[in-house]
Amino acid sequence: MKTNLMWFRSDLRIRNNLALYSACQDCEATILALFISCPHQWKLNSMSSRKAFLIYKNILFLKKELMKLNIYLYYHESTTFLESVNYLIKFCRKNKVNNLYYNYEYEFLEQKRDIMVMKKLKKYHIISNGFHSSTLIPPGVIINKKGEMYKKYSHFKNRCILELLQNSLNDIFIPKKRKTIILTSNTPIVPFDFNFHRFNEQLFPIGEIKVLKKLKVFFKNKFNKYFTNNNSISHDTTSMLSAHLSIGVLSPMQCLFLLFKYYPNTYAYYVKKCCWVNELIWREFFKHLLYFHPLLSQQKVLCDWENNIKWNNNEKHFEAWKRGKTGFPIVDAGMRQLNQLGWMHNRLRMVTSSFLVKNLLIDWRKGEQYFMSRLIDGDTALNNGNWQWISSIGSDSAPYFRIFNPILQSKKFDAQGKFIRKYIPELTKISYTNIHDPNTWNGNIRRRNSYPEPIINLADSKKTMLTVFKFAKYKL
């Protein structure tokens, strides 16, 4: 009788899980499951304390769900990826595992870890089976005529849509319940060696059942209004599912499958035109990009002129940005939301990151690391891709002269100042005509609150940035 091991990582679900479903196809095989936490490694990778807590709670839920299938989830805490490899090999040999099943991760260290596992297991005649279960389409399918990853998003998107429309969506069912449960030890899942930070479980529910329910409610109540409301910076207008996608409680394939289920007659239209689907394809683009260029997860870039940029890196400005004390209300409200909630609307992520890089002229890497250290939905591929995009040094990035004006963005997406007042109590009594731009405040307004003066002059900062970037780009 064969023994198959399912190695869970960032795929904490039993539904639509390619590796788990494949491991369970042999009805006679013994099925074991394992999760190895690496809190020390996660800290080195700047994982937020909220995300670590979200992972922990979902592992506890996953263990209960697996027990319903007569599959026991074993747990071990390692320090680094290397130590986790050694433990995995010992576990496989001790339990006489014949086949290992797992879903791929695309970061640099994760890819090195998996290659190491495959080589070591091969010595013991244990077969490794990897699957692409965090993307809509396996990386490597969408490539140009040279066999390379597309560098233009529009080209990638067109090919991606073509693939999705030509192939039926695959919603993998829950594996069948095993006849018996194999239990060689009963190790409790204790809290990781991590300073957990509590989060709002109403916004970020635990377990795939509640998450799928949240997705269904979004399709039923909000989806048809998403096109007009998606840039509104209230979280009530979004699906708020990014955290669950980041740890694999939900898969992107489930998102599209349920979309098709709710709107069967207009699926092709939504795939081609829907901005919500477009965001899934942006996610896909960054995932594929990381697969082909794993060093992006090590803060490397693909352009050849980024090293010429003379960053300012003013520490006082950086601290003001982190704390939401820059004197620009929409930027500060966004950063305070990030610090308090561990999440930020995508529009605000663009506004705050643009301000850091193109107004304060601070290295994008510092912003990328800070976002990861605070976001409950921190995802290396997306965080890195978006920071490089806004910084104009990534694949198909915004032109270097494109700068998000925080005052104009504030007036456009928070016209009444409701979001600003929610996160900046100092400005509660400021009228909506004055709240966006502190430079227009008169003396009476300033005396009524303790909000800081703007730390820079927007016009001057724009001129400086354009000079620095233009020099860097054409210095080659």
Protein backbone atom coordinates (compact mmCIF):
# COMPACT_ATOMS: atom_id res chain seq x y z
CA MET A 1 0.00 0.00 0.00
CA LYS A 2 1.33 3.42 -0.95
CA THR A 3 1.65 6.36 1.42
CA ASN A 4 1.06 9.86 0.00
CA LEU A 5 2.01 13.00 1.90
CA MET A 6 0.28 16.33 1.29
CA TRP A 7 2.63 19.16 2.22
CA PHE A 8 0.54 22.27 2.92
CA ARG A 9 2.15 25.70 2.51
CA SER A 10 0.28 28.75 1.15
CA ASP A 11 -2.73 26.64 0.14
CA LEU A 12 -4.74 26.28 3.34
CA ARG A 13 -7.90 24.78 1.87
CA ILE A 14 -9.36 21.41 0.90
CA ARG A 15 -11.49 22.69 -1.99
CA ASN A 16 -9.89 23.41 -5.37
CA ASN A 17 -6.54 22.21 -4.14
CA LEU A 18 -4.77 20.43 -6.99
CA ALA A 19 -2.08 18.80 -4.87
CA LEU A 20 -4.48 17.48 -2.22
CA TYR A 21 -6.98 16.25 -4.78
CA SER A 22 -4.23 14.45 -6.71
CA ALA A 23 -2.81 12.88 -3.56
CA CYS A 24 -6.24 11.42 -2.76
CA GLN A 25 -6.96 9.93 -6.21
CA ASP A 26 -5.60 6.54 -5.17
CA CYS A 27 -8.43 5.23 -2.98
CA GLU A 28 -6.18 2.61 -1.43
CA ALA A 29 -3.30 4.93 -0.54
CA THR A 30 -2.60 6.08 2.98
CA ILE A 31 -2.88 9.88 3.13
CA LEU A 32 -0.85 12.01 5.53
CA ALA A 33 -0.83 15.81 5.73
CA LEU A 34 1.86 18.12 7.09
CA PHE A 35 2.32 21.83 7.75
CA ILE A 36 5.71 23.23 8.73
CA SER A 37 5.83 26.77 10.11
CA CYS A 38 9.01 28.84 9.72
CA PRO A 39 8.46 31.90 11.95
CA HIS A 40 12.11 32.98 11.95
CA GLN A 41 12.24 32.80 8.15
CA TRP A 42 8.90 34.61 7.90
CA LYS A 43 10.25 37.43 10.06
CA LEU A 44 13.29 37.73 7.78
CA ASN A 45 10.80 37.99 4.89
CA SER A 46 8.99 40.81 6.77
CA MET A 47 5.73 38.89 7.24
CA SER A 48 3.27 40.93 9.32
CA SER A 49 2.14 39.75 12.75
CA ARG A 50 -1.48 39.90 11.55
CA LYS A 51 -0.78 37.62 8.60
CA ALA A 52 1.05 35.16 10.85
CA PHE A 53 -1.99 35.07 13.15
CA LEU A 54 -4.30 34.64 10.14
CA ILE A 55 -2.22 31.65 9.01
CA TYR A 56 -2.29 30.11 12.47
CA LYS A 57 -6.07 30.40 12.85
CA ASN A 58 -6.66 28.98 9.39
CA ILE A 59 -4.37 26.03 10.07
CA LEU A 60 -6.48 25.17 13.11
CA PHE A 61 -9.59 25.30 10.91
CA LEU A 62 -7.89 23.28 8.16
CA LYS A 63 -6.99 20.55 10.64
CA LYS A 64 -10.67 20.15 11.60
CA GLU A 65 -11.76 20.04 7.96
CA LEU A 66 -9.15 17.40 7.14
CA MET A 67 -10.27 15.29 10.09
CA LYS A 68 -13.72 15.11 8.46
CA LEU A 69 -11.95 13.41 5.55
CA ASN A 70 -10.09 11.09 7.93
CA ILE A 71 -6.81 12.88 7.16
CA TYR A 72 -4.69 13.95 10.09
CA LEU A 73 -2.65 17.16 9.80
CA TYR A 74 0.78 16.88 11.40
CA TYR A 75 2.56 20.02 12.48
CA HIS A 76 6.15 21.07 13.05
CA GLU A 77 7.80 24.42 13.74
CA SER A 78 11.14 25.05 12.04
CA THR A 79 13.39 28.08 12.11
CA THR A 80 14.42 28.36 8.45
CA PHE A 81 13.48 26.80 5.12
CA LEU A 82 16.66 24.69 5.25
CA GLU A 83 15.72 23.23 8.63
CA SER A 84 12.21 22.56 7.31
CA VAL A 85 13.70 20.56 4.44
CA ASN A 86 15.65 18.39 6.84
CA TYR A 87 12.56 17.76 8.94
CA LEU A 88 10.46 16.94 5.88
CA ILE A 89 12.98 14.35 4.69
CA LYS A 90 13.03 12.72 8.14
CA PHE A 91 9.23 12.73 8.27
CA CYS A 92 8.99 11.06 4.87
CA ARG A 93 11.50 8.36 5.76
CA LYS A 94 9.99 7.71 9.19
CA ASN A 95 6.48 7.33 7.75
CA LYS A 96 7.61 5.43 4.64
CA VAL A 97 6.17 8.02 2.26
CA ASN A 98 6.15 7.03 -1.41
CA ASN A 99 4.85 10.26 -2.94
CA LEU A 100 5.03 13.89 -1.86
CA TYR A 101 2.36 16.32 -3.12
CA TYR A 102 2.56 20.10 -2.88
CA ASN A 103 1.55 23.29 -4.68
CA TYR A 104 4.33 25.49 -6.05
CA GLU A 105 5.48 28.76 -4.51
CA TYR A 106 7.43 31.13 -6.76
CA GLU A 107 9.66 33.22 -4.51
CA PHE A 108 13.44 32.75 -4.81
CA LEU A 109 14.08 30.98 -1.51
CA GLU A 110 10.92 28.90 -1.85
CA GLN A 111 11.98 27.69 -5.29
CA LYS A 112 15.45 26.80 -3.97
CA ARG A 113 13.82 24.92 -1.07
CA ASP A 114 11.60 22.88 -3.37
CA ILE A 115 14.47 21.96 -5.70
CA MET A 116 16.45 20.83 -2.66
CA VAL A 117 13.53 18.71 -1.44
CA MET A 118 13.10 17.07 -4.85
CA LYS A 119 16.81 16.19 -5.10
CA LYS A 120 17.00 14.77 -1.57
CA LEU A 121 13.82 12.74 -1.86
CA LYS A 122 14.96 11.29 -5.16
CA LYS A 123 17.86 9.62 -3.33
CA TYR A 124 15.29 7.71 -1.28
CA HIS A 125 13.12 6.93 -4.33
CA ILE A 126 10.35 9.22 -3.10
CA ILE A 127 8.52 10.95 -5.94
CA SER A 128 7.80 14.71 -5.71
CA ASN A 129 4.62 15.98 -7.36
CA GLY A 130 4.25 19.76 -7.72
CA PHE A 131 1.16 21.63 -8.95
CA HIS A 132 0.25 25.19 -9.93
CA SER A 133 -2.76 25.87 -7.70
CA SER A 134 -2.30 29.56 -6.86
CA THR A 135 -2.76 30.79 -10.44
CA LEU A 136 -5.47 30.61 -13.08
CA ILE A 137 -3.05 29.31 -15.69
CA PRO A 138 0.25 27.48 -15.04
CA PRO A 139 3.26 29.79 -15.49
CA GLY A 140 5.03 28.94 -18.73
CA VAL A 141 1.84 28.54 -20.74
CA ILE A 142 1.57 32.25 -21.59
CA ILE A 143 4.83 33.14 -23.29
CA ASN A 144 5.91 35.13 -26.34
CA LYS A 145 7.41 33.73 -29.55
CA LYS A 146 10.85 33.72 -27.97
CA GLY A 147 9.57 31.50 -25.16
CA GLU A 148 9.86 34.34 -22.67
CA MET A 149 7.47 35.92 -20.20
CA TYR A 150 5.54 38.87 -21.61
CA LYS A 151 6.82 42.19 -20.31
CA LYS A 152 3.74 44.12 -21.44
CA TYR A 153 0.68 43.55 -19.30
CA SER A 154 -1.73 44.17 -22.18
CA HIS A 155 -0.14 41.38 -24.23
CA PHE A 156 -0.19 39.03 -21.27
CA LYS A 157 -3.81 39.92 -20.50
CA ASN A 158 -4.98 39.20 -24.05
CA ARG A 159 -3.34 35.78 -24.04
CA CYS A 160 -4.63 35.06 -20.56
CA ILE A 161 -8.23 35.88 -21.55
CA LEU A 162 -7.89 33.70 -24.65
CA GLU A 163 -6.71 30.78 -22.53
CA LEU A 164 -9.53 31.23 -20.02
CA LEU A 165 -12.21 31.38 -22.72
CA GLN A 166 -10.87 28.39 -24.63
CA ASN A 167 -10.54 26.11 -21.60
CA SER A 168 -13.29 25.09 -19.22
CA LEU A 169 -12.88 26.30 -15.65
CA ASN A 170 -11.87 23.56 -13.26
CA ASP A 171 -13.50 23.63 -9.86
CA ILE A 172 -11.96 20.63 -8.15
CA PHE A 173 -14.26 18.95 -5.68
CA ILE A 174 -13.46 18.01 -2.10
CA PRO A 175 -11.54 14.72 -1.94
CA LYS A 176 -13.56 11.73 -0.84
CA LYS A 177 -13.43 10.68 2.79
CA ARG A 178 -10.76 8.06 3.50
CA LYS A 179 -11.86 4.71 4.87
CA THR A 180 -9.56 4.97 7.87
CA ILE A 181 -7.44 7.62 9.52
CA ILE A 182 -3.71 7.07 10.02
CA LEU A 183 -2.38 8.60 13.23
CA THR A 184 1.24 7.97 14.23
CA SER A 185 1.40 10.83 16.74
CA ASN A 186 -0.91 13.52 18.08
CA THR A 187 1.02 16.79 18.13
CA PRO A 188 -1.04 19.89 18.95
CA ILE A 189 -0.63 23.01 16.81
CA VAL A 190 0.75 25.50 19.28
CA PRO A 191 1.03 29.22 18.46
CA PHE A 192 4.04 30.07 16.32
CA ASP A 193 7.06 31.86 17.75
CA PHE A 194 5.60 35.14 16.51
CA ASN A 195 4.17 38.23 18.21
CA PHE A 196 0.62 37.77 16.93
CA HIS A 197 -1.46 40.87 16.28
CA ARG A 198 -5.23 40.52 16.45
CA PHE A 199 -7.28 41.43 13.40
CA ASN A 200 -10.94 42.07 12.58
CA GLU A 201 -12.49 38.64 11.94
CA GLN A 202 -15.62 40.25 10.54
CA LEU A 203 -13.50 41.62 7.70
CA PHE A 204 -11.13 38.64 7.54
CA PRO A 205 -13.17 35.54 8.48
CA ILE A 206 -11.49 32.26 9.41
CA GLY A 207 -11.79 29.14 7.28
CA GLU A 208 -12.67 28.51 3.66
CA ILE A 209 -16.38 27.98 4.35
CA LYS A 210 -16.84 31.53 5.65
CA VAL A 211 -14.54 32.91 2.97
CA LEU A 212 -16.54 31.27 0.18
CA LYS A 213 -19.70 32.65 1.75
CA LYS A 214 -18.11 36.11 1.73
CA LEU A 215 -17.30 35.72 -1.97
CA LYS A 216 -20.88 34.68 -2.74
CA VAL A 217 -22.25 37.68 -0.85
CA PHE A 218 -19.94 39.92 -2.89
CA PHE A 219 -21.23 38.50 -6.17
CA LYS A 220 -24.82 38.78 -5.03
CA ASN A 221 -24.76 42.27 -3.49
CA LYS A 222 -21.75 44.25 -4.72
CA PHE A 223 -20.38 42.84 -7.95
CA ASN A 224 -22.68 44.68 -10.37
CA LYS A 225 -21.74 47.98 -8.73
CA TYR A 226 -18.03 47.25 -8.63
CA PHE A 227 -17.27 48.99 -11.92
CA THR A 228 -18.52 52.32 -10.58
CA ASN A 229 -17.52 51.81 -6.93
CA ASN A 230 -14.17 50.03 -7.13
CA ASN A 231 -12.12 53.23 -6.77
CA SER A 232 -14.13 54.42 -3.78
CA ILE A 233 -11.67 54.07 -0.92
CA SER A 234 -14.20 52.55 1.47
CA HIS A 235 -13.52 48.85 2.00
CA ASP A 236 -17.27 48.25 1.73
CA THR A 237 -16.97 48.50 -2.05
CA THR A 238 -14.36 45.74 -2.45
CA SER A 239 -14.47 41.98 -2.05
CA MET A 240 -11.87 42.11 0.78
CA LEU A 241 -10.58 38.66 -0.23
CA SER A 242 -6.92 39.46 -0.86
CA ALA A 243 -5.79 38.16 2.54
CA HIS A 244 -7.44 34.80 1.87
CA LEU A 245 -5.94 34.57 -1.60
CA SER A 246 -2.49 35.33 -0.16
CA ILE A 247 -2.49 32.28 2.13
CA GLY A 248 -4.49 30.06 -0.18
CA VAL A 249 -7.71 29.71 1.81
CA LEU A 250 -9.25 30.77 -1.50
CA SER A 251 -7.93 30.17 -5.03
CA PRO A 252 -8.28 32.51 -8.02
CA MET A 253 -9.89 29.63 -9.92
CA GLN A 254 -12.67 29.50 -7.32
CA CYS A 255 -13.24 33.22 -7.86
CA LEU A 256 -13.77 32.80 -11.59
CA PHE A 257 -15.74 29.58 -11.23
CA LEU A 258 -18.23 31.23 -8.88
CA LEU A 259 -18.41 34.26 -11.16
CA PHE A 260 -19.43 31.93 -14.00
CA LYS A 261 -21.92 30.24 -11.72
CA TYR A 262 -23.62 33.51 -10.79
CA TYR A 263 -23.45 35.02 -14.28
CA PRO A 264 -23.43 32.04 -16.69
CA ASN A 265 -24.76 33.90 -19.73
CA THR A 266 -22.33 36.78 -19.58
CA TYR A 267 -19.13 35.06 -18.49
CA ALA A 268 -17.17 35.99 -21.65
CA TYR A 269 -18.14 39.63 -21.20
CA TYR A 270 -17.02 39.72 -17.58
CA VAL A 271 -13.71 38.04 -18.36
CA LYS A 272 -12.96 40.58 -21.09
CA LYS A 273 -14.41 43.76 -19.61
CA CYS A 274 -14.81 43.41 -15.85
CA CYS A 275 -12.35 45.45 -13.77
CA TRP A 276 -12.65 42.91 -10.92
CA VAL A 277 -11.47 40.16 -13.28
CA ASN A 278 -8.80 42.55 -14.54
CA GLU A 279 -7.42 42.72 -11.00
CA LEU A 280 -7.26 38.91 -10.90
CA ILE A 281 -5.30 39.00 -14.16
CA TRP A 282 -2.91 41.63 -12.75
CA ARG A 283 -2.39 39.21 -9.86
CA GLU A 284 -1.75 36.49 -12.43
CA PHE A 285 0.74 38.70 -14.29
CA PHE A 286 2.81 39.36 -11.17
CA LYS A 287 2.73 35.68 -10.15
CA HIS A 288 3.98 34.58 -13.58
CA LEU A 289 6.60 37.33 -13.53
CA LEU A 290 7.93 36.07 -10.20
CA TYR A 291 7.99 32.49 -11.48
CA PHE A 292 10.27 33.53 -14.36
CA HIS A 293 12.27 36.03 -12.30
CA PRO A 294 12.35 34.73 -8.70
CA LEU A 295 15.06 37.25 -7.74
CA LEU A 296 12.32 39.90 -7.80
CA SER A 297 11.47 38.58 -4.34
CA GLN A 298 14.98 39.65 -3.30
CA GLN A 299 14.24 43.29 -4.25
CA LYS A 300 15.97 43.02 -7.63
CA VAL A 301 14.69 44.87 -10.70
CA LEU A 302 14.44 44.12 -14.42
CA CYS A 303 15.33 47.57 -15.75
CA ASP A 304 18.95 48.61 -16.26
CA TRP A 305 18.80 52.21 -15.05
CA GLU A 306 17.30 51.92 -11.57
CA ASN A 307 20.76 51.79 -9.97
CA ASN A 308 21.41 55.31 -11.26
CA ILE A 309 18.60 56.85 -9.20
CA LYS A 310 19.96 59.06 -6.43
CA TRP A 311 17.47 58.40 -3.64
CA ASN A 312 17.03 61.00 -0.93
CA ASN A 313 16.14 58.54 1.86
CA ASN A 314 15.37 61.25 4.42
CA GLU A 315 14.69 59.24 7.61
CA LYS A 316 12.49 61.92 9.16
CA HIS A 317 10.33 61.96 6.04
CA PHE A 318 10.18 58.16 6.02
CA GLU A 319 9.07 58.07 9.65
CA ALA A 320 6.42 60.71 8.98
CA TRP A 321 5.13 58.64 6.05
CA LYS A 322 4.99 55.45 8.14
CA ARG A 323 3.12 57.14 10.99
CA GLY A 324 0.69 59.08 8.79
CA LYS A 325 2.16 62.46 9.72
CA THR A 326 3.18 63.91 6.35
CA GLY A 327 0.68 66.78 6.37
CA PHE A 328 -1.11 65.41 3.29
CA PRO A 329 -4.47 64.08 4.59
CA ILE A 330 -5.21 61.34 2.03
CA VAL A 331 -1.67 59.93 2.37
CA ASP A 332 -1.82 60.03 6.16
CA ALA A 333 -5.31 58.52 6.33
CA GLY A 334 -4.17 55.67 4.10
CA MET A 335 -1.10 54.95 6.20
CA ARG A 336 -3.10 55.07 9.42
CA GLN A 337 -5.58 52.62 7.94
CA LEU A 338 -2.67 50.32 7.09
CA ASN A 339 -1.27 50.56 10.62
CA GLN A 340 -4.63 50.07 12.34
CA LEU A 341 -6.28 47.52 10.07
CA GLY A 342 -3.38 45.77 8.34
CA TRP A 343 -5.07 46.46 5.01
CA MET A 344 -5.41 49.35 2.57
CA HIS A 345 -7.56 49.97 -0.49
CA ASN A 346 -5.64 49.47 -3.74
CA ARG A 347 -6.18 53.10 -4.78
CA LEU A 348 -4.60 54.25 -1.53
CA ARG A 349 -1.70 51.84 -1.96
CA MET A 350 -0.93 53.58 -5.24
CA VAL A 351 -1.33 57.07 -3.77
CA THR A 352 0.81 56.42 -0.67
CA SER A 353 3.54 54.53 -2.54
CA SER A 354 3.71 57.15 -5.29
CA PHE A 355 4.08 59.83 -2.62
CA LEU A 356 6.95 57.97 -0.93
CA VAL A 357 8.90 57.32 -4.13
CA LYS A 358 8.11 60.31 -6.33
CA ASN A 359 7.52 63.09 -3.84
CA LEU A 360 9.79 62.10 -0.96
CA LEU A 361 12.28 60.38 -3.31
CA ILE A 362 12.74 57.48 -0.90
CA ASP A 363 13.88 54.09 -2.21
CA TRP A 364 10.87 51.93 -3.11
CA ARG A 365 12.46 48.97 -1.29
CA LYS A 366 11.92 50.67 2.06
CA GLY A 367 8.24 51.13 1.25
CA GLU A 368 7.87 47.58 -0.04
CA GLN A 369 9.37 46.17 3.16
CA TYR A 370 7.18 48.35 5.37
CA PHE A 371 4.00 47.35 3.54
CA MET A 372 4.88 43.66 3.94
CA SER A 373 5.53 44.15 7.64
CA ARG A 374 2.02 45.58 8.13
CA LEU A 375 -0.26 43.97 5.53
CA ILE A 376 -2.48 41.06 6.52
CA ASP A 377 -2.68 40.27 2.80
CA GLY A 378 1.04 40.67 2.15
CA ASP A 379 1.95 38.77 -1.02
CA THR A 380 5.50 39.04 -2.34
CA ALA A 381 4.57 38.85 -6.03
CA LEU A 382 1.84 41.48 -5.78
CA ASN A 383 3.56 43.79 -3.32
CA ASN A 384 6.82 43.78 -5.27
CA GLY A 385 5.06 44.06 -8.63
CA ASN A 386 2.94 47.01 -7.55
CA TRP A 387 5.84 48.86 -5.92
CA GLN A 388 7.99 48.44 -9.00
CA TRP A 389 5.06 49.50 -11.19
CA ILE A 390 4.40 52.70 -9.25
CA SER A 391 8.15 53.40 -9.10
CA SER A 392 8.40 53.14 -12.90
CA ILE A 393 11.21 50.58 -12.78
CA GLY A 394 9.27 47.30 -13.14
CA SER A 395 7.79 45.32 -16.01
CA ASP A 396 5.31 47.46 -17.98
CA SER A 397 5.49 50.12 -15.29
CA ALA A 398 3.86 53.51 -15.22
CA PRO A 399 6.01 56.11 -17.06
CA TYR A 400 8.49 57.77 -14.68
CA PHE A 401 6.78 61.12 -15.19
CA ARG A 402 3.44 59.76 -13.95
CA ILE A 403 2.94 60.99 -10.41
CA PHE A 404 -0.19 60.61 -8.32
CA ASN A 405 -1.09 64.05 -7.01
CA PRO A 406 -2.40 63.31 -3.48
CA ILE A 407 -4.62 66.40 -3.37
CA LEU A 408 -6.33 65.65 -6.69
CA GLN A 409 -6.68 61.97 -5.74
CA SER A 410 -8.23 62.99 -2.43
CA LYS A 411 -10.78 65.27 -4.05
CA LYS A 412 -11.67 62.64 -6.62
CA PHE A 413 -11.98 59.55 -4.43
CA ASP A 414 -12.90 61.03 -1.02
CA ALA A 415 -14.76 64.15 -2.11
CA GLN A 416 -16.59 64.66 1.19
CA GLY A 417 -13.54 63.77 3.27
CA LYS A 418 -15.36 60.95 5.09
CA PHE A 419 -12.43 58.55 4.87
CA ILE A 420 -9.96 61.20 6.00
CA ARG A 421 -12.07 62.09 9.05
CA LYS A 422 -12.40 58.41 9.96
CA TYR A 423 -8.65 57.95 10.29
CA ILE A 424 -7.52 61.47 11.17
CA PRO A 425 -9.61 62.64 14.15
CA GLU A 426 -7.66 65.92 14.21
CA LEU A 427 -9.54 66.89 11.04
CA THR A 428 -13.05 65.86 12.14
CA LYS A 429 -14.41 69.41 12.08
CA ILE A 430 -12.69 70.58 8.88
CA SER A 431 -15.12 71.25 6.02
CA TYR A 432 -14.96 69.10 2.89
CA THR A 433 -13.86 72.13 0.85
CA ASN A 434 -10.74 72.58 2.99
CA ILE A 435 -9.90 69.08 4.17
CA HIS A 436 -7.91 67.91 1.14
CA ASP A 437 -5.18 70.56 0.99
CA PRO A 438 -3.55 71.92 4.17
CA ASN A 439 -1.82 74.64 2.12
CA THR A 440 -5.20 76.34 1.69
CA TRP A 441 -6.04 76.38 5.40
CA ASN A 442 -6.23 79.74 7.10
CA GLY A 443 -4.91 80.49 10.55
CA ASN A 444 -8.20 79.69 12.29
CA ILE A 445 -8.29 76.19 10.83
CA ARG A 446 -4.70 75.50 11.85
CA ARG A 447 -5.27 76.66 15.42
CA ARG A 448 -8.23 74.29 15.78
CA ASN A 449 -6.25 71.09 15.26
CA SER A 450 -2.85 69.54 15.87
CA TYR A 451 -2.40 68.19 12.36
CA PRO A 452 1.18 68.65 11.07
CA GLU A 453 2.31 71.07 8.38
CA PRO A 454 3.10 69.49 4.96
CA ILE A 455 6.64 68.11 5.12
CA ILE A 456 7.36 69.03 1.48
CA ASN A 457 6.24 71.36 -1.28
CA LEU A 458 4.47 69.19 -3.88
CA ALA A 459 5.48 71.26 -6.90
CA ASP A 460 9.14 71.43 -5.87
CA SER A 461 9.28 67.71 -5.08
CA LYS A 462 7.84 66.88 -8.50
CA LYS A 463 10.48 68.98 -10.28
CA THR A 464 13.27 67.34 -8.26
CA MET A 465 11.97 63.84 -8.94
CA LEU A 466 11.63 64.42 -12.68
CA THR A 467 15.21 65.70 -12.84
CA VAL A 468 16.58 62.76 -10.84
CA PHE A 469 14.69 60.10 -12.80
CA LYS A 470 15.41 61.67 -16.19
CA PHE A 471 19.12 61.84 -15.40
CA ALA A 472 19.12 58.21 -14.17
CA LYS A 473 17.30 56.92 -17.23
CA TYR A 474 19.41 58.70 -19.81
CA LYS A 475 22.76 58.35 -18.03
CA LEU A 476 23.33 54.95 -19.63
